Amino acid sequence: MKNRPPWGAAPTAEPGRRDKRRENMSVKIKVSYSTDQELAGVIRLLSPALKECRLRPAKGAYKRAYITLDSVRDAGECKKGRAT
């Protein structure tokens, strides 16, 4: 584990080459909603990258959904404040 940064990120094998793990990044989102129309709107916005949506029973006043997005861009490819 030499040459490993202190925050735990794995170094790339060669300078300029991407790490295979970074090419297959995914994002998990927890959505709290009260009506099915609210969830439908969120799913419609995220549909280009949507991989999975799991519905869970309500806890209290809000229903819950867990959404997994696939093929998410590397954070370094996005401009600060907005995605390109």
Protein backbone atom coordinates (compact mmCIF):
# COMPACT_ATOMS: atom_id res chain seq x y z
CA MET A 1 0.00 0.00 0.00
CA LYS A 2 2.78 2.41 -0.68
CA ASN A 3 2.07 5.68 -2.47
CA ARG A 4 -1.55 5.59 -1.26
CA PRO A 5 -3.07 9.01 -0.46
CA PRO A 6 -4.12 9.48 3.18
CA TRP A 7 -7.85 9.73 2.31
CA GLY A 8 -7.91 6.17 0.97
CA ALA A 9 -8.23 6.73 -2.78
CA ALA A 10 -6.40 4.15 -4.84
CA PRO A 11 -3.74 5.56 -7.16
CA THR A 12 -4.08 4.87 -10.88
CA ALA A 13 -1.72 2.34 -12.43
CA GLU A 14 -0.24 4.79 -14.92
CA PRO A 15 -0.48 8.56 -15.10
CA GLY A 16 -3.27 9.58 -17.48
CA ARG A 17 -5.10 6.23 -17.30
CA ARG A 18 -8.36 5.84 -15.45
CA ASP A 19 -8.83 3.37 -12.65
CA LYS A 20 -11.37 0.67 -13.66
CA ARG A 21 -13.30 1.13 -10.41
CA ARG A 22 -13.93 4.80 -11.20
CA GLU A 23 -15.42 3.97 -14.60
CA ASN A 24 -18.26 1.99 -12.99
CA MET A 25 -19.38 4.47 -10.35
CA SER A 26 -22.97 4.48 -9.11
CA VAL A 27 -24.98 6.72 -6.79
CA LYS A 28 -27.60 5.71 -4.23
CA ILE A 29 -30.36 8.19 -3.33
CA LYS A 30 -32.99 7.99 -0.59
CA VAL A 31 -36.20 9.79 -1.57
CA SER A 32 -38.92 10.73 0.93
CA TYR A 33 -42.26 11.58 -0.67
CA SER A 34 -45.91 11.90 0.27
CA THR A 35 -47.69 11.29 -3.07
CA ASP A 36 -46.98 8.88 -5.90
CA GLN A 37 -46.91 11.83 -8.33
CA GLU A 38 -43.91 13.28 -6.47
CA LEU A 39 -41.98 10.04 -6.87
CA ALA A 40 -43.00 9.77 -10.53
CA GLY A 41 -41.53 13.25 -11.14
CA VAL A 42 -38.23 12.31 -9.52
CA ILE A 43 -38.05 9.06 -11.48
CA ARG A 44 -38.81 10.89 -14.74
CA LEU A 45 -35.94 13.34 -14.09
CA LEU A 46 -33.47 10.60 -13.18
CA SER A 47 -34.60 8.07 -15.80
CA PRO A 48 -31.59 8.44 -18.17
CA ALA A 49 -29.31 7.00 -15.49
CA LEU A 50 -31.84 4.98 -13.44
CA LYS A 51 -30.74 1.45 -12.62
CA GLU A 52 -33.08 0.45 -9.78
CA CYS A 53 -35.88 1.88 -7.62
CA ARG A 54 -36.96 0.05 -4.46
CA LEU A 55 -40.09 1.15 -2.57
CA ARG A 56 -40.32 0.80 1.19
CA PRO A 57 -43.27 1.19 3.58
CA ALA A 58 -43.95 4.58 5.12
CA LYS A 59 -42.22 5.52 8.36
CA GLY A 60 -44.29 8.29 9.80
CA ALA A 61 -45.79 10.80 7.36
CA TYR A 62 -43.58 10.02 4.34
CA LYS A 63 -43.14 7.05 2.02
CA ARG A 64 -39.59 6.03 1.07
CA ALA A 65 -37.88 4.97 -2.14
CA TYR A 66 -34.27 3.98 -2.67
CA ILE A 67 -32.93 4.82 -6.13
CA THR A 68 -29.68 3.57 -7.64
CA LEU A 69 -28.17 5.42 -10.59
CA ASP A 70 -25.67 3.74 -12.88
CA SER A 71 -23.03 5.14 -15.21
CA VAL A 72 -22.59 8.38 -13.30
CA ARG A 73 -19.92 10.78 -14.55
CA ASP A 74 -16.74 11.26 -12.61
CA ALA A 75 -17.03 14.31 -10.37
CA GLY A 76 -13.95 15.75 -12.08
CA GLU A 77 -15.87 15.95 -15.36
CA CYS A 78 -18.57 18.23 -13.91
CA LYS A 79 -18.23 21.96 -13.45
CA LYS A 80 -18.76 23.31 -9.97
CA GLY A 81 -22.38 24.25 -9.44
CA ARG A 82 -23.83 22.46 -12.48
CA ALA A 83 -23.40 19.27 -14.45
CA THR A 84 -22.28 19.42 -18.06
